[in-house]
Amino acid sequence: MERDPVVELRAQWARLRSRARDGPPDRPDRTGLAPGSIYEAVTRQMVQGLVEDVQEIKGRLNGLLFMVAGAIVLDLAIRLGAGQG
């Protein structure tokens, strides 16, 4: 008794889909953070570099704003002190 090729093809397709959905047997955890390809690894390195650059700029901007605020407070203190003396 021969099987219908269409039925066999559909069965194979269903097995492939379930295998793709369930993930490969050697990697049960599909939420891993390991890069899946060279492109993903390079992209991740580039994004990490951008994150470091943005953090550095953010730190410098915070320092600049703190310096400006300090200069304003110092200017006000000098003006108030000069007005009383």
PDB file of N, CA and C in Angstrom:
ATOM      1  N   MET A   1       0.842  -1.182   0.000  1.00  0.00           N
ATOM      2  CA  MET A   1       0.000   0.000   0.000  1.00  0.00           C
ATOM      3  C   MET A   1       0.891   1.250   0.000  1.00  0.00           C
ATOM      4  N   GLU A   2       0.786   2.032  -1.034  1.00  0.00           N
ATOM      5  CA  GLU A   2       1.580   3.248  -1.139  1.00  0.00           C
ATOM      6  C   GLU A   2       0.825   4.418  -0.525  1.00  0.00           C
ATOM      7  N   ARG A   3       1.624   5.294   0.089  1.00  0.00           N
ATOM      8  CA  ARG A   3       1.015   6.497   0.677  1.00  0.00           C
ATOM      9  C   ARG A   3       0.898   7.569  -0.389  1.00  0.00           C
ATOM     10  N   ASP A   4      -0.073   8.378  -0.209  1.00  0.00           N
ATOM     11  CA  ASP A   4      -0.294   9.486  -1.132  1.00  0.00           C
ATOM     12  C   ASP A   4       0.852  10.485  -0.963  1.00  0.00           C
ATOM     13  N   PRO A   5       1.517  10.916  -2.039  1.00  0.00           N
ATOM     14  CA  PRO A   5       2.628  11.860  -1.905  1.00  0.00           C
ATOM     15  C   PRO A   5       2.205  13.180  -1.268  1.00  0.00           C
ATOM     16  N   VAL A   6       1.005  13.604  -1.500  1.00  0.00           N
ATOM     17  CA  VAL A   6       0.535  14.859  -0.904  1.00  0.00           C
ATOM     18  C   VAL A   6       0.411  14.702   0.602  1.00  0.00           C
ATOM     19  N   VAL A   7      -0.107  13.563   1.045  1.00  0.00           N
ATOM     20  CA  VAL A   7      -0.243  13.311   2.480  1.00  0.00           C
ATOM     21  C   VAL A   7       1.137  13.223   3.123  1.00  0.00           C
ATOM     22  N   GLU A   8       2.066  12.549   2.454  1.00  0.00           N
ATOM     23  CA  GLU A   8       3.430  12.429   2.972  1.00  0.00           C
ATOM     24  C   GLU A   8       4.097  13.803   3.055  1.00  0.00           C
ATOM     25  N   LEU A   9       3.927  14.611   2.037  1.00  0.00           N
ATOM     26  CA  LEU A   9       4.507  15.953   2.031  1.00  0.00           C
ATOM     27  C   LEU A   9       3.921  16.806   3.152  1.00  0.00           C
ATOM     28  N   ARG A  10       2.629  16.717   3.357  1.00  0.00           N
ATOM     29  CA  ARG A  10       2.001  17.480   4.439  1.00  0.00           C
ATOM     30  C   ARG A  10       2.498  17.010   5.800  1.00  0.00           C
ATOM     31  N   ALA A  11       2.703  15.715   5.963  1.00  0.00           N
ATOM     32  CA  ALA A  11       3.209  15.186   7.229  1.00  0.00           C
ATOM     33  C   ALA A  11       4.632  15.684   7.483  1.00  0.00           C
ATOM     34  N   GLN A  12       5.464  15.656   6.439  1.00  0.00           N
ATOM     35  CA  GLN A  12       6.827  16.165   6.597  1.00  0.00           C
ATOM     36  C   GLN A  12       6.815  17.659   6.907  1.00  0.00           C
ATOM     37  N   TRP A  13       5.958  18.387   6.236  1.00  0.00           N
ATOM     38  CA  TRP A  13       5.852  19.828   6.481  1.00  0.00           C
ATOM     39  C   TRP A  13       5.422  20.101   7.920  1.00  0.00           C
ATOM     40  N   ALA A  14       4.477  19.330   8.432  1.00  0.00           N
ATOM     41  CA  ALA A  14       4.021  19.495   9.816  1.00  0.00           C
ATOM     42  C   ALA A  14       5.148  19.188  10.790  1.00  0.00           C
ATOM     43  N   ARG A  15       5.955  18.147  10.498  1.00  0.00           N
ATOM     44  CA  ARG A  15       7.092  17.830  11.373  1.00  0.00           C
ATOM     45  C   ARG A  15       8.111  18.961  11.365  1.00  0.00           C
ATOM     46  N   LEU A  16       8.403  19.497  10.193  1.00  0.00           N
ATOM     47  CA  LEU A  16       9.364  20.598  10.104  1.00  0.00           C
ATOM     48  C   LEU A  16       8.868  21.835  10.846  1.00  0.00           C
ATOM     49  N   ARG A  17       7.602  22.143  10.691  1.00  0.00           N
ATOM     50  CA  ARG A  17       7.046  23.310  11.379  1.00  0.00           C
ATOM     51  C   ARG A  17       7.094  23.128  12.883  1.00  0.00           C
ATOM     52  N   SER A  18       6.757  21.932  13.372  1.00  0.00           N
ATOM     53  CA  SER A  18       6.786  21.712  14.818  1.00  0.00           C
ATOM     54  C   SER A  18       8.215  21.751  15.329  1.00  0.00           C
ATOM     55  N   ARG A  19       9.169  21.239  14.542  1.00  0.00           N
ATOM     56  CA  ARG A  19      10.570  21.276  14.949  1.00  0.00           C
ATOM     57  C   ARG A  19      11.077  22.714  14.983  1.00  0.00           C
ATOM     58  N   ALA A  20      10.690  23.518  14.012  1.00  0.00           N
ATOM     59  CA  ALA A  20      11.103  24.927  13.986  1.00  0.00           C
ATOM     60  C   ALA A  20      10.455  25.699  15.123  1.00  0.00           C
ATOM     61  N   ARG A  21       9.219  25.373  15.431  1.00  0.00           N
ATOM     62  CA  ARG A  21       8.514  26.064  16.504  1.00  0.00           C
ATOM     63  C   ARG A  21       9.095  25.693  17.866  1.00  0.00           C
ATOM     64  N   ASP A  22       9.444  24.423  18.045  1.00  0.00           N
ATOM     65  CA  ASP A  22       9.950  23.948  19.329  1.00  0.00           C
ATOM     66  C   ASP A  22      11.420  24.257  19.520  1.00  0.00           C
ATOM     67  N   GLY A  23      12.128  24.559  18.462  1.00  0.00           N
ATOM     68  CA  GLY A  23      13.541  24.865  18.558  1.00  0.00           C
ATOM     69  C   GLY A  23      14.372  23.617  18.378  1.00  0.00           C
ATOM     70  N   PRO A  24      15.647  23.793  18.116  1.00  0.00           N
ATOM     71  CA  PRO A  24      16.513  22.639  17.942  1.00  0.00           C
ATOM     72  C   PRO A  24      16.657  21.883  19.261  1.00  0.00           C
ATOM     73  N   PRO A  25      16.907  20.574  19.211  1.00  0.00           N
ATOM     74  CA  PRO A  25      16.978  19.799  20.445  1.00  0.00           C
ATOM     75  C   PRO A  25      18.155  20.168  21.332  1.00  0.00           C
ATOM     76  N   ASP A  26      19.252  20.679  20.759  1.00  0.00           N
ATOM     77  CA  ASP A  26      20.410  21.024  21.585  1.00  0.00           C
ATOM     78  C   ASP A  26      20.288  22.401  22.219  1.00  0.00           C
ATOM     79  N   ARG A  27      19.246  23.136  21.900  1.00  0.00           N
ATOM     80  CA  ARG A  27      19.078  24.481  22.454  1.00  0.00           C
ATOM     81  C   ARG A  27      17.648  24.642  22.964  1.00  0.00           C
ATOM     82  N   PRO A  28      17.366  24.099  24.153  1.00  0.00           N
ATOM     83  CA  PRO A  28      15.988  24.160  24.635  1.00  0.00           C
ATOM     84  C   PRO A  28      15.543  25.564  25.012  1.00  0.00           C
ATOM     85  N   ASP A  29      16.474  26.413  25.446  1.00  0.00           N
ATOM     86  CA  ASP A  29      16.114  27.768  25.858  1.00  0.00           C
ATOM     87  C   ASP A  29      16.231  28.693  24.656  1.00  0.00           C
ATOM     88  N   ARG A  30      15.107  29.122  24.104  1.00  0.00           N
ATOM     89  CA  ARG A  30      15.126  29.977  22.918  1.00  0.00           C
ATOM     90  C   ARG A  30      15.248  31.447  23.271  1.00  0.00           C
ATOM     91  N   THR A  31      15.300  31.790  24.561  1.00  0.00           N
ATOM     92  CA  THR A  31      15.421  33.188  24.957  1.00  0.00           C
ATOM     93  C   THR A  31      16.860  33.544  25.287  1.00  0.00           C
ATOM     94  N   GLY A  32      17.806  32.736  24.871  1.00  0.00           N
ATOM     95  CA  GLY A  32      19.208  32.996  25.153  1.00  0.00           C
ATOM     96  C   GLY A  32      19.670  34.300  24.518  1.00  0.00           C
ATOM     97  N   LEU A  33      20.704  34.888  25.103  1.00  0.00           N
ATOM     98  CA  LEU A  33      21.201  36.162  24.609  1.00  0.00           C
ATOM     99  C   LEU A  33      22.416  36.008  23.711  1.00  0.00           C
ATOM    100  N   ALA A  34      22.828  34.780  23.459  1.00  0.00           N
ATOM    101  CA  ALA A  34      23.972  34.561  22.584  1.00  0.00           C
ATOM    102  C   ALA A  34      23.587  34.932  21.152  1.00  0.00           C
ATOM    103  N   PRO A  35      24.501  35.612  20.446  1.00  0.00           N
ATOM    104  CA  PRO A  35      24.178  35.982  19.066  1.00  0.00           C
ATOM    105  C   PRO A  35      24.022  34.745  18.196  1.00  0.00           C
ATOM    106  N   GLY A  36      23.083  34.809  17.286  1.00  0.00           N
ATOM    107  CA  GLY A  36      22.811  33.682  16.419  1.00  0.00           C
ATOM    108  C   GLY A  36      23.602  33.706  15.126  1.00  0.00           C
ATOM    109  N   SER A  37      24.231  34.848  14.808  1.00  0.00           N
ATOM    110  CA  SER A  37      24.983  34.945  13.556  1.00  0.00           C
ATOM    111  C   SER A  37      26.088  35.980  13.724  1.00  0.00           C
ATOM    112  N   ILE A  38      26.981  36.010  12.759  1.00  0.00           N
ATOM    113  CA  ILE A  38      28.069  36.986  12.764  1.00  0.00           C
ATOM    114  C   ILE A  38      27.501  38.402  12.685  1.00  0.00           C
ATOM    115  N   TYR A  39      26.511  38.583  11.834  1.00  0.00           N
ATOM    116  CA  TYR A  39      25.892  39.901  11.680  1.00  0.00           C
ATOM    117  C   TYR A  39      25.325  40.382  13.009  1.00  0.00           C
ATOM    118  N   GLU A  40      24.663  39.488  13.734  1.00  0.00           N
ATOM    119  CA  GLU A  40      24.082  39.870  15.023  1.00  0.00           C
ATOM    120  C   GLU A  40      25.174  40.217  16.029  1.00  0.00           C
ATOM    121  N   ALA A  41      26.279  39.483  16.013  1.00  0.00           N
ATOM    122  CA  ALA A  41      27.379  39.767  16.934  1.00  0.00           C
ATOM    123  C   ALA A  41      28.001  41.128  16.631  1.00  0.00           C
ATOM    124  N   VAL A  42      28.223  41.417  15.348  1.00  0.00           N
ATOM    125  CA  VAL A  42      28.809  42.708  14.960  1.00  0.00           C
ATOM    126  C   VAL A  42      27.854  43.841  15.295  1.00  0.00           C
ATOM    127  N   THR A  43      26.573  43.640  15.010  1.00  0.00           N
ATOM    128  CA  THR A  43      25.576  44.665  15.316  1.00  0.00           C
ATOM    129  C   THR A  43      25.506  44.916  16.809  1.00  0.00           C
ATOM    130  N   ARG A  44      25.574  43.849  17.592  1.00  0.00           N
ATOM    131  CA  ARG A  44      25.528  44.003  19.046  1.00  0.00           C
ATOM    132  C   ARG A  44      26.733  44.784  19.548  1.00  0.00           C
ATOM    133  N   GLN A  45      27.921  44.529  18.976  1.00  0.00           N
ATOM    134  CA  GLN A  45      29.107  45.284  19.365  1.00  0.00           C
ATOM    135  C   GLN A  45      28.961  46.757  19.000  1.00  0.00           C
ATOM    136  N   MET A  46      28.409  47.029  17.833  1.00  0.00           N
ATOM    137  CA  MET A  46      28.215  48.420  17.420  1.00  0.00           C
ATOM    138  C   MET A  46      27.231  49.127  18.343  1.00  0.00           C
ATOM    139  N   VAL A  47      26.156  48.457  18.699  1.00  0.00           N
ATOM    140  CA  VAL A  47      25.164  49.053  19.596  1.00  0.00           C
ATOM    141  C   VAL A  47      25.776  49.272  20.972  1.00  0.00           C
ATOM    142  N   GLN A  48      26.585  48.321  21.448  1.00  0.00           N
ATOM    143  CA  GLN A  48      27.235  48.482  22.748  1.00  0.00           C
ATOM    144  C   GLN A  48      28.175  49.687  22.717  1.00  0.00           C
ATOM    145  N   GLY A  49      28.888  49.871  21.609  1.00  0.00           N
ATOM    146  CA  GLY A  49      29.752  51.043  21.469  1.00  0.00           C
ATOM    147  C   GLY A  49      28.953  52.334  21.496  1.00  0.00           C
ATOM    148  N   LEU A  50      27.807  52.342  20.830  1.00  0.00           N
ATOM    149  CA  LEU A  50      26.950  53.530  20.855  1.00  0.00           C
ATOM    150  C   LEU A  50      26.425  53.804  22.258  1.00  0.00           C
ATOM    151  N   VAL A  51      26.085  52.756  22.990  1.00  0.00           N
ATOM    152  CA  VAL A  51      25.598  52.922  24.364  1.00  0.00           C
ATOM    153  C   VAL A  51      26.683  53.565  25.221  1.00  0.00           C
ATOM    154  N   GLU A  52      27.920  53.089  25.071  1.00  0.00           N
ATOM    155  CA  GLU A  52      29.019  53.675  25.845  1.00  0.00           C
ATOM    156  C   GLU A  52      29.234  55.139  25.472  1.00  0.00           C
ATOM    157  N   ASP A  53      29.162  55.458  24.186  1.00  0.00           N
ATOM    158  CA  ASP A  53      29.329  56.846  23.747  1.00  0.00           C
ATOM    159  C   ASP A  53      28.224  57.741  24.299  1.00  0.00           C
ATOM    160  N   VAL A  54      26.994  57.265  24.264  1.00  0.00           N
ATOM    161  CA  VAL A  54      25.871  58.057  24.781  1.00  0.00           C
ATOM    162  C   VAL A  54      26.015  58.261  26.284  1.00  0.00           C
ATOM    163  N   GLN A  55      26.478  57.237  26.999  1.00  0.00           N
ATOM    164  CA  GLN A  55      26.674  57.386  28.442  1.00  0.00           C
ATOM    165  C   GLN A  55      27.763  58.414  28.737  1.00  0.00           C
ATOM    166  N   GLU A  56      28.829  58.415  27.929  1.00  0.00           N
ATOM    167  CA  GLU A  56      29.887  59.402  28.123  1.00  0.00           C
ATOM    168  C   GLU A  56      29.366  60.817  27.854  1.00  0.00           C
ATOM    169  N   ILE A  57      28.619  60.989  26.780  1.00  0.00           N
ATOM    170  CA  ILE A  57      28.052  62.305  26.459  1.00  0.00           C
ATOM    171  C   ILE A  57      27.093  62.749  27.549  1.00  0.00           C
ATOM    172  N   LYS A  58      26.296  61.811  28.048  1.00  0.00           N
ATOM    173  CA  LYS A  58      25.348  62.132  29.115  1.00  0.00           C
ATOM    174  C   LYS A  58      26.087  62.587  30.375  1.00  0.00           C
ATOM    175  N   GLY A  59      27.181  61.915  30.703  1.00  0.00           N
ATOM    176  CA  GLY A  59      27.975  62.318  31.862  1.00  0.00           C
ATOM    177  C   GLY A  59      28.580  63.701  31.684  1.00  0.00           C
ATOM    178  N   ARG A  60      29.094  63.966  30.495  1.00  0.00           N
ATOM    179  CA  ARG A  60      29.675  65.289  30.236  1.00  0.00           C
ATOM    180  C   ARG A  60      28.614  66.383  30.281  1.00  0.00           C
ATOM    181  N   LEU A  61      27.434  66.087  29.733  1.00  0.00           N
ATOM    182  CA  LEU A  61      26.347  67.059  29.750  1.00  0.00           C
ATOM    183  C   LEU A  61      25.887  67.331  31.178  1.00  0.00           C
ATOM    184  N   ASN A  62      25.786  66.283  31.988  1.00  0.00           N
ATOM    185  CA  ASN A  62      25.418  66.479  33.391  1.00  0.00           C
ATOM    186  C   ASN A  62      26.454  67.331  34.113  1.00  0.00           C
ATOM    187  N   GLY A  63      27.736  67.081  33.847  1.00  0.00           N
ATOM    188  CA  GLY A  63      28.787  67.892  34.454  1.00  0.00           C
ATOM    189  C   GLY A  63      28.704  69.345  34.018  1.00  0.00           C
ATOM    190  N   LEU A  64      28.440  69.565  32.739  1.00  0.00           N
ATOM    191  CA  LEU A  64      28.320  70.929  32.221  1.00  0.00           C
ATOM    192  C   LEU A  64      27.136  71.656  32.845  1.00  0.00           C
ATOM    193  N   LEU A  65      25.996  70.976  32.934  1.00  0.00           N
ATOM    194  CA  LEU A  65      24.820  71.598  33.549  1.00  0.00           C
ATOM    195  C   LEU A  65      25.061  71.895  35.030  1.00  0.00           C
ATOM    196  N   PHE A  66      25.743  70.983  35.730  1.00  0.00           N
ATOM    197  CA  PHE A  66      26.061  71.223  37.136  1.00  0.00           C
ATOM    198  C   PHE A  66      26.989  72.427  37.280  1.00  0.00           C
ATOM    199  N   MET A  67      27.961  72.559  36.373  1.00  0.00           N
ATOM    200  CA  MET A  67      28.875  73.695  36.427  1.00  0.00           C
ATOM    201  C   MET A  67      28.131  75.007  36.158  1.00  0.00           C
ATOM    202  N   VAL A  68      27.228  75.014  35.188  1.00  0.00           N
ATOM    203  CA  VAL A  68      26.457  76.225  34.890  1.00  0.00           C
ATOM    204  C   VAL A  68      25.571  76.589  36.073  1.00  0.00           C
ATOM    205  N   ALA A  69      24.910  75.592  36.662  1.00  0.00           N
ATOM    206  CA  ALA A  69      24.061  75.870  37.827  1.00  0.00           C
ATOM    207  C   ALA A  69      24.901  76.401  38.984  1.00  0.00           C
ATOM    208  N   GLY A  70      26.082  75.834  39.190  1.00  0.00           N
ATOM    209  CA  GLY A  70      26.970  76.322  40.248  1.00  0.00           C
ATOM    210  C   GLY A  70      27.431  77.747  39.990  1.00  0.00           C
ATOM    211  N   ALA A  71      27.725  78.070  38.733  1.00  0.00           N
ATOM    212  CA  ALA A  71      28.151  79.427  38.394  1.00  0.00           C
ATOM    213  C   ALA A  71      27.022  80.420  38.629  1.00  0.00           C
ATOM    214  N   ILE A  72      25.784  80.025  38.314  1.00  0.00           N
ATOM    215  CA  ILE A  72      24.640  80.913  38.558  1.00  0.00           C
ATOM    216  C   ILE A  72      24.452  81.144  40.045  1.00  0.00           C
ATOM    217  N   VAL A  73      24.536  80.079  40.833  1.00  0.00           N
ATOM    218  CA  VAL A  73      24.383  80.219  42.289  1.00  0.00           C
ATOM    219  C   VAL A  73      25.511  81.078  42.849  1.00  0.00           C
ATOM    220  N   LEU A  74      26.736  80.871  42.386  1.00  0.00           N
ATOM    221  CA  LEU A  74      27.866  81.671  42.854  1.00  0.00           C
ATOM    222  C   LEU A  74      27.694  83.138  42.460  1.00  0.00           C
ATOM    223  N   ASP A  75      27.224  83.403  41.252  1.00  0.00           N
ATOM    224  CA  ASP A  75      26.985  84.774  40.813  1.00  0.00           C
ATOM    225  C   ASP A  75      25.930  85.445  41.681  1.00  0.00           C
ATOM    226  N   LEU A  76      24.845  84.714  41.975  1.00  0.00           N
ATOM    227  CA  LEU A  76      23.809  85.270  42.855  1.00  0.00           C
ATOM    228  C   LEU A  76      24.357  85.554  44.247  1.00  0.00           C
ATOM    229  N   ALA A  77      25.179  84.640  44.755  1.00  0.00           N
ATOM    230  CA  ALA A  77      25.753  84.844  46.090  1.00  0.00           C
ATOM    231  C   ALA A  77      26.672  86.061  46.106  1.00  0.00           C
ATOM    232  N   ILE A  78      27.463  86.231  45.063  1.00  0.00           N
ATOM    233  CA  ILE A  78      28.364  87.388  44.996  1.00  0.00           C
ATOM    234  C   ILE A  78      27.557  88.678  44.899  1.00  0.00           C
ATOM    235  N   ARG A  79      26.499  88.683  44.085  1.00  0.00           N
ATOM    236  CA  ARG A  79      25.675  89.892  43.952  1.00  0.00           C
ATOM    237  C   ARG A  79      24.969  90.225  45.261  1.00  0.00           C
ATOM    238  N   LEU A  80      24.463  89.218  45.942  1.00  0.00           N
ATOM    239  CA  LEU A  80      23.798  89.478  47.221  1.00  0.00           C
ATOM    240  C   LEU A  80      24.800  89.954  48.271  1.00  0.00           C
ATOM    241  N   GLY A  81      26.006  89.379  48.256  1.00  0.00           N
ATOM    242  CA  GLY A  81      27.040  89.797  49.204  1.00  0.00           C
ATOM    243  C   GLY A  81      27.546  91.195  48.912  1.00  0.00           C
ATOM    244  N   ALA A  82      27.651  91.561  47.641  1.00  0.00           N
ATOM    245  CA  ALA A  82      28.134  92.889  47.267  1.00  0.00           C
ATOM    246  C   ALA A  82      27.089  93.950  47.587  1.00  0.00           C
ATOM    247  N   GLY A  83      25.815  93.585  47.515  1.00  0.00           N
ATOM    248  CA  GLY A  83      24.751  94.545  47.798  1.00  0.00           C
ATOM    249  C   GLY A  83      24.664  94.876  49.280  1.00  0.00           C
ATOM    250  N   GLN A  84      25.090  93.991  50.150  1.00  0.00           N
ATOM    251  CA  GLN A  84      24.990  94.227  51.590  1.00  0.00           C
ATOM    252  C   GLN A  84      26.212  94.959  52.126  1.00  0.00           C
ATOM    253  N   GLY A  85      27.316  94.868  51.443  1.00  0.00           N
ATOM    254  CA  GLY A  85      28.551  95.414  51.979  1.00  0.00           C
ATOM    255  C   GLY A  85      28.883  96.749  51.557  1.00  0.00           C
TER     256      GLY A  85
END
